Amino acid sequence: MEANMGSADKIIRILLAITVGVFYYFGIISGTLAIILGVLALVFVITSFISFCPLYLPFGISTRRKSTK
């Protein structure tokens, strides 16, 4: 499992997850929508911490910079 997420991608995912949490906390979202967005936010947080997005793999997408050693 090779990392395929760059810093900007990780920051955006974390910010979206925080936004969902805030919306839920203040009652802006509830019910089924809150559950679906909560699960999506959890996936965003997990993929951000491991720097790997499984959906990028079949499409060959990588937002990570290539190292120039």
PDB file of N, CA and C in Angstrom:
ATOM      1  N   MET A   1       0.851  -1.169   0.000  1.00  0.00           N
ATOM      2  CA  MET A   1       0.000   0.000   0.000  1.00  0.00           C
ATOM      3  C   MET A   1       0.903   1.241   0.000  1.00  0.00           C
ATOM      4  N   GLU A   2       1.078   1.812  -1.153  1.00  0.00           N
ATOM      5  CA  GLU A   2       1.926   2.990  -1.300  1.00  0.00           C
ATOM      6  C   GLU A   2       1.093   4.261  -1.130  1.00  0.00           C
ATOM      7  N   ALA A   3       1.636   5.218  -0.406  1.00  0.00           N
ATOM      8  CA  ALA A   3       0.930   6.482  -0.166  1.00  0.00           C
ATOM      9  C   ALA A   3       0.616   7.162  -1.496  1.00  0.00           C
ATOM     10  N   ASN A   4      -0.614   7.661  -1.625  1.00  0.00           N
ATOM     11  CA  ASN A   4      -1.001   8.335  -2.860  1.00  0.00           C
ATOM     12  C   ASN A   4      -1.746   9.649  -2.595  1.00  0.00           C
ATOM     13  N   MET A   5      -1.576  10.194  -1.391  1.00  0.00           N
ATOM     14  CA  MET A   5      -2.243  11.448  -1.043  1.00  0.00           C
ATOM     15  C   MET A   5      -1.219  12.496  -0.634  1.00  0.00           C
ATOM     16  N   GLY A   6      -1.369  13.685  -1.188  1.00  0.00           N
ATOM     17  CA  GLY A   6      -0.497  14.792  -0.834  1.00  0.00           C
ATOM     18  C   GLY A   6      -1.016  15.560   0.365  1.00  0.00           C
ATOM     19  N   SER A   7      -0.244  16.537   0.797  1.00  0.00           N
ATOM     20  CA  SER A   7      -0.594  17.328   1.979  1.00  0.00           C
ATOM     21  C   SER A   7      -1.895  18.096   1.808  1.00  0.00           C
ATOM     22  N   ALA A   8      -2.067  18.732   0.670  1.00  0.00           N
ATOM     23  CA  ALA A   8      -3.289  19.509   0.439  1.00  0.00           C
ATOM     24  C   ALA A   8      -4.519  18.614   0.479  1.00  0.00           C
ATOM     25  N   ASP A   9      -4.417  17.443  -0.110  1.00  0.00           N
ATOM     26  CA  ASP A   9      -5.525  16.486  -0.121  1.00  0.00           C
ATOM     27  C   ASP A   9      -5.891  16.080   1.308  1.00  0.00           C
ATOM     28  N   LYS A  10      -4.887  15.816   2.130  1.00  0.00           N
ATOM     29  CA  LYS A  10      -5.136  15.418   3.518  1.00  0.00           C
ATOM     30  C   LYS A  10      -5.783  16.554   4.312  1.00  0.00           C
ATOM     31  N   ILE A  11      -5.302  17.766   4.121  1.00  0.00           N
ATOM     32  CA  ILE A  11      -5.856  18.918   4.852  1.00  0.00           C
ATOM     33  C   ILE A  11      -7.307  19.147   4.469  1.00  0.00           C
ATOM     34  N   ILE A  12      -7.616  19.070   3.191  1.00  0.00           N
ATOM     35  CA  ILE A  12      -8.994  19.269   2.727  1.00  0.00           C
ATOM     36  C   ILE A  12      -9.913  18.211   3.328  1.00  0.00           C
ATOM     37  N   ARG A  13      -9.473  16.959   3.352  1.00  0.00           N
ATOM     38  CA  ARG A  13     -10.303  15.888   3.913  1.00  0.00           C
ATOM     39  C   ARG A  13     -10.551  16.094   5.413  1.00  0.00           C
ATOM     40  N   ILE A  14      -9.515  16.491   6.142  1.00  0.00           N
ATOM     41  CA  ILE A  14      -9.668  16.734   7.577  1.00  0.00           C
ATOM     42  C   ILE A  14     -10.635  17.901   7.819  1.00  0.00           C
ATOM     43  N   LEU A  15     -10.494  18.971   7.035  1.00  0.00           N
ATOM     44  CA  LEU A  15     -11.388  20.122   7.191  1.00  0.00           C
ATOM     45  C   LEU A  15     -12.839  19.751   6.883  1.00  0.00           C
ATOM     46  N   LEU A  16     -13.056  18.929   5.867  1.00  0.00           N
ATOM     47  CA  LEU A  16     -14.418  18.476   5.555  1.00  0.00           C
ATOM     48  C   LEU A  16     -14.987  17.632   6.694  1.00  0.00           C
ATOM     49  N   ALA A  17     -14.169  16.773   7.278  1.00  0.00           N
ATOM     50  CA  ALA A  17     -14.623  15.940   8.389  1.00  0.00           C
ATOM     51  C   ALA A  17     -14.974  16.804   9.600  1.00  0.00           C
ATOM     52  N   ILE A  18     -14.159  17.808   9.881  1.00  0.00           N
ATOM     53  CA  ILE A  18     -14.454  18.721  10.991  1.00  0.00           C
ATOM     54  C   ILE A  18     -15.749  19.479  10.731  1.00  0.00           C
ATOM     55  N   THR A  19     -15.947  19.906   9.506  1.00  0.00           N
ATOM     56  CA  THR A  19     -17.173  20.621   9.132  1.00  0.00           C
ATOM     57  C   THR A  19     -18.408  19.756   9.366  1.00  0.00           C
ATOM     58  N   VAL A  20     -18.334  18.502   8.976  1.00  0.00           N
ATOM     59  CA  VAL A  20     -19.458  17.581   9.207  1.00  0.00           C
ATOM     60  C   VAL A  20     -19.720  17.439  10.698  1.00  0.00           C
ATOM     61  N   GLY A  21     -18.653  17.307  11.489  1.00  0.00           N
ATOM     62  CA  GLY A  21     -18.806  17.204  12.943  1.00  0.00           C
ATOM     63  C   GLY A  21     -19.454  18.432  13.550  1.00  0.00           C
ATOM     64  N   VAL A  22     -19.047  19.600  13.099  1.00  0.00           N
ATOM     65  CA  VAL A  22     -19.631  20.857  13.599  1.00  0.00           C
ATOM     66  C   VAL A  22     -21.100  20.962  13.204  1.00  0.00           C
ATOM     67  N   PHE A  23     -21.407  20.610  11.958  1.00  0.00           N
ATOM     68  CA  PHE A  23     -22.806  20.647  11.504  1.00  0.00           C
ATOM     69  C   PHE A  23     -23.679  19.711  12.337  1.00  0.00           C
ATOM     70  N   TYR A  24     -23.149  18.525  12.653  1.00  0.00           N
ATOM     71  CA  TYR A  24     -23.910  17.592  13.468  1.00  0.00           C
ATOM     72  C   TYR A  24     -24.081  18.127  14.892  1.00  0.00           C
ATOM     73  N   TYR A  25     -23.027  18.667  15.459  1.00  0.00           N
ATOM     74  CA  TYR A  25     -23.058  19.181  16.825  1.00  0.00           C
ATOM     75  C   TYR A  25     -24.094  20.292  16.985  1.00  0.00           C
ATOM     76  N   PHE A  26     -24.175  21.180  16.008  1.00  0.00           N
ATOM     77  CA  PHE A  26     -25.120  22.293  16.095  1.00  0.00           C
ATOM     78  C   PHE A  26     -26.501  21.959  15.527  1.00  0.00           C
ATOM     79  N   GLY A  27     -26.722  20.717  15.137  1.00  0.00           N
ATOM     80  CA  GLY A  27     -28.040  20.282  14.687  1.00  0.00           C
ATOM     81  C   GLY A  27     -28.401  20.703  13.281  1.00  0.00           C
ATOM     82  N   ILE A  28     -27.434  21.101  12.503  1.00  0.00           N
ATOM     83  CA  ILE A  28     -27.706  21.498  11.116  1.00  0.00           C
ATOM     84  C   ILE A  28     -28.035  20.273  10.268  1.00  0.00           C
ATOM     85  N   ILE A  29     -27.379  19.161  10.582  1.00  0.00           N
ATOM     86  CA  ILE A  29     -27.709  17.899   9.907  1.00  0.00           C
ATOM     87  C   ILE A  29     -28.155  16.896  10.961  1.00  0.00           C
ATOM     88  N   SER A  30     -29.054  16.011  10.564  1.00  0.00           N
ATOM     89  CA  SER A  30     -29.531  14.977  11.481  1.00  0.00           C
ATOM     90  C   SER A  30     -30.089  13.815  10.674  1.00  0.00           C
ATOM     91  N   GLY A  31     -30.424  12.761  11.370  1.00  0.00           N
ATOM     92  CA  GLY A  31     -31.044  11.608  10.737  1.00  0.00           C
ATOM     93  C   GLY A  31     -30.100  10.854   9.817  1.00  0.00           C
ATOM     94  N   THR A  32     -30.678  10.361   8.723  1.00  0.00           N
ATOM     95  CA  THR A  32     -29.934   9.557   7.765  1.00  0.00           C
ATOM     96  C   THR A  32     -28.783  10.338   7.139  1.00  0.00           C
ATOM     97  N   LEU A  33     -29.013  11.594   6.829  1.00  0.00           N
ATOM     98  CA  LEU A  33     -27.958  12.419   6.236  1.00  0.00           C
ATOM     99  C   LEU A  33     -26.770  12.528   7.182  1.00  0.00           C
ATOM    100  N   ALA A  34     -27.033  12.698   8.464  1.00  0.00           N
ATOM    101  CA  ALA A  34     -25.957  12.797   9.445  1.00  0.00           C
ATOM    102  C   ALA A  34     -25.169  11.499   9.537  1.00  0.00           C
ATOM    103  N   ILE A  35     -25.847  10.379   9.456  1.00  0.00           N
ATOM    104  CA  ILE A  35     -25.171   9.084   9.510  1.00  0.00           C
ATOM    105  C   ILE A  35     -24.279   8.897   8.291  1.00  0.00           C
ATOM    106  N   ILE A  36     -24.814   9.177   7.112  1.00  0.00           N
ATOM    107  CA  ILE A  36     -24.048   9.018   5.874  1.00  0.00           C
ATOM    108  C   ILE A  36     -22.840   9.949   5.865  1.00  0.00           C
ATOM    109  N   LEU A  37     -23.046  11.216   6.204  1.00  0.00           N
ATOM    110  CA  LEU A  37     -21.929  12.168   6.220  1.00  0.00           C
ATOM    111  C   LEU A  37     -20.940  11.847   7.330  1.00  0.00           C
ATOM    112  N   GLY A  38     -21.415  11.319   8.438  1.00  0.00           N
ATOM    113  CA  GLY A  38     -20.526  10.918   9.527  1.00  0.00           C
ATOM    114  C   GLY A  38     -19.606   9.771   9.125  1.00  0.00           C
ATOM    115  N   VAL A  39     -20.162   8.796   8.447  1.00  0.00           N
ATOM    116  CA  VAL A  39     -19.352   7.671   7.957  1.00  0.00           C
ATOM    117  C   VAL A  39     -18.337   8.171   6.931  1.00  0.00           C
ATOM    118  N   LEU A  40     -18.769   9.035   6.037  1.00  0.00           N
ATOM    119  CA  LEU A  40     -17.866   9.611   5.038  1.00  0.00           C
ATOM    120  C   LEU A  40     -16.754  10.420   5.713  1.00  0.00           C
ATOM    121  N   ALA A  41     -17.100  11.180   6.739  1.00  0.00           N
ATOM    122  CA  ALA A  41     -16.102  11.957   7.479  1.00  0.00           C
ATOM    123  C   ALA A  41     -15.100  11.030   8.156  1.00  0.00           C
ATOM    124  N   LEU A  42     -15.570   9.924   8.714  1.00  0.00           N
ATOM    125  CA  LEU A  42     -14.680   8.953   9.339  1.00  0.00           C
ATOM    126  C   LEU A  42     -13.712   8.357   8.317  1.00  0.00           C
ATOM    127  N   VAL A  43     -14.220   8.032   7.148  1.00  0.00           N
ATOM    128  CA  VAL A  43     -13.364   7.513   6.074  1.00  0.00           C
ATOM    129  C   VAL A  43     -12.331   8.559   5.670  1.00  0.00           C
ATOM    130  N   PHE A  44     -12.749   9.817   5.571  1.00  0.00           N
ATOM    131  CA  PHE A  44     -11.814  10.894   5.230  1.00  0.00           C
ATOM    132  C   PHE A  44     -10.687  10.995   6.254  1.00  0.00           C
ATOM    133  N   VAL A  45     -11.029  10.907   7.534  1.00  0.00           N
ATOM    134  CA  VAL A  45     -10.016  11.012   8.587  1.00  0.00           C
ATOM    135  C   VAL A  45      -9.049   9.826   8.520  1.00  0.00           C
ATOM    136  N   ILE A  46      -9.578   8.637   8.369  1.00  0.00           N
ATOM    137  CA  ILE A  46      -8.731   7.440   8.318  1.00  0.00           C
ATOM    138  C   ILE A  46      -7.794   7.495   7.115  1.00  0.00           C
ATOM    139  N   THR A  47      -8.340   7.805   5.943  1.00  0.00           N
ATOM    140  CA  THR A  47      -7.499   7.854   4.744  1.00  0.00           C
ATOM    141  C   THR A  47      -6.466   8.976   4.836  1.00  0.00           C
ATOM    142  N   SER A  48      -6.787  10.053   5.521  1.00  0.00           N
ATOM    143  CA  SER A  48      -5.819  11.136   5.699  1.00  0.00           C
ATOM    144  C   SER A  48      -4.653  10.694   6.569  1.00  0.00           C
ATOM    145  N   PHE A  49      -4.933   9.955   7.626  1.00  0.00           N
ATOM    146  CA  PHE A  49      -3.868   9.524   8.524  1.00  0.00           C
ATOM    147  C   PHE A  49      -2.971   8.452   7.905  1.00  0.00           C
ATOM    148  N   ILE A  50      -3.521   7.613   7.036  1.00  0.00           N
ATOM    149  CA  ILE A  50      -2.688   6.580   6.421  1.00  0.00           C
ATOM    150  C   ILE A  50      -2.145   7.025   5.057  1.00  0.00           C
ATOM    151  N   SER A  51      -2.543   8.201   4.595  1.00  0.00           N
ATOM    152  CA  SER A  51      -2.076   8.779   3.321  1.00  0.00           C
ATOM    153  C   SER A  51      -2.359   7.890   2.120  1.00  0.00           C
ATOM    154  N   PHE A  52      -3.445   7.151   2.185  1.00  0.00           N
ATOM    155  CA  PHE A  52      -3.789   6.243   1.094  1.00  0.00           C
ATOM    156  C   PHE A  52      -5.292   6.278   0.855  1.00  0.00           C
ATOM    157  N   CYS A  53      -5.673   6.523  -0.393  1.00  0.00           N
ATOM    158  CA  CYS A  53      -7.083   6.497  -0.776  1.00  0.00           C
ATOM    159  C   CYS A  53      -7.309   5.327  -1.729  1.00  0.00           C
ATOM    160  N   PRO A  54      -8.091   4.331  -1.328  1.00  0.00           N
ATOM    161  CA  PRO A  54      -8.317   3.168  -2.184  1.00  0.00           C
ATOM    162  C   PRO A  54      -9.021   3.514  -3.506  1.00  0.00           C
ATOM    163  N   LEU A  55      -9.805   4.580  -3.525  1.00  0.00           N
ATOM    164  CA  LEU A  55     -10.488   4.955  -4.761  1.00  0.00           C
ATOM    165  C   LEU A  55      -9.544   5.540  -5.801  1.00  0.00           C
ATOM    166  N   TYR A  56      -8.398   6.046  -5.363  1.00  0.00           N
ATOM    167  CA  TYR A  56      -7.414   6.571  -6.306  1.00  0.00           C
ATOM    168  C   TYR A  56      -6.710   5.451  -7.062  1.00  0.00           C
ATOM    169  N   LEU A  57      -6.580   4.291  -6.441  1.00  0.00           N
ATOM    170  CA  LEU A  57      -5.798   3.193  -6.985  1.00  0.00           C
ATOM    171  C   LEU A  57      -6.250   2.722  -8.374  1.00  0.00           C
ATOM    172  N   PRO A  58      -7.528   2.395  -8.590  1.00  0.00           N
ATOM    173  CA  PRO A  58      -7.916   1.890  -9.914  1.00  0.00           C
ATOM    174  C   PRO A  58      -7.783   2.934 -11.028  1.00  0.00           C
ATOM    175  N   PHE A  59      -7.796   4.203 -10.658  1.00  0.00           N
ATOM    176  CA  PHE A  59      -7.699   5.255 -11.662  1.00  0.00           C
ATOM    177  C   PHE A  59      -6.272   5.771 -11.838  1.00  0.00           C
ATOM    178  N   GLY A  60      -5.355   5.274 -11.032  1.00  0.00           N
ATOM    179  CA  GLY A  60      -3.962   5.688 -11.119  1.00  0.00           C
ATOM    180  C   GLY A  60      -3.714   7.117 -10.670  1.00  0.00           C
ATOM    181  N   ILE A  61      -4.573   7.615  -9.782  1.00  0.00           N
ATOM    182  CA  ILE A  61      -4.456   8.996  -9.314  1.00  0.00           C
ATOM    183  C   ILE A  61      -3.511   9.048  -8.120  1.00  0.00           C
ATOM    184  N   SER A  62      -2.702  10.087  -8.078  1.00  0.00           N
ATOM    185  CA  SER A  62      -1.853  10.340  -6.927  1.00  0.00           C
ATOM    186  C   SER A  62      -1.702  11.844  -6.776  1.00  0.00           C
ATOM    187  N   THR A  63      -2.002  12.356  -5.596  1.00  0.00           N
ATOM    188  CA  THR A  63      -1.834  13.784  -5.335  1.00  0.00           C
ATOM    189  C   THR A  63      -0.545  14.042  -4.576  1.00  0.00           C
ATOM    190  N   ARG A  64       0.234  13.008  -4.401  1.00  0.00           N
ATOM    191  CA  ARG A  64       1.510  13.122  -3.690  1.00  0.00           C
ATOM    192  C   ARG A  64       2.599  13.549  -4.665  1.00  0.00           C
ATOM    193  N   ARG A  65       3.459  14.422  -4.198  1.00  0.00           N
ATOM    194  CA  ARG A  65       4.584  14.880  -5.030  1.00  0.00           C
ATOM    195  C   ARG A  65       5.590  13.764  -5.217  1.00  0.00           C
ATOM    196  N   LYS A  66       6.162  13.719  -6.362  1.00  0.00           N
ATOM    197  CA  LYS A  66       7.227  12.757  -6.627  1.00  0.00           C
ATOM    198  C   LYS A  66       8.510  13.269  -5.991  1.00  0.00           C
ATOM    199  N   SER A  67       9.218  12.408  -5.294  1.00  0.00           N
ATOM    200  CA  SER A  67      10.464  12.835  -4.664  1.00  0.00           C
ATOM    201  C   SER A  67      11.559  12.945  -5.735  1.00  0.00           C
ATOM    202  N   THR A  68      12.386  13.965  -5.591  1.00  0.00           N
ATOM    203  CA  THR A  68      13.456  14.192  -6.556  1.00  0.00           C
ATOM    204  C   THR A  68      14.803  13.946  -5.885  1.00  0.00           C
ATOM    205  N   LYS A  69      15.127  12.680  -5.722  1.00  0.00           N
ATOM    206  CA  LYS A  69      16.376  12.310  -5.040  1.00  0.00           C
ATOM    207  C   LYS A  69      17.508  12.207  -6.018  1.00  0.00           C
TER     208      LYS A  69
END
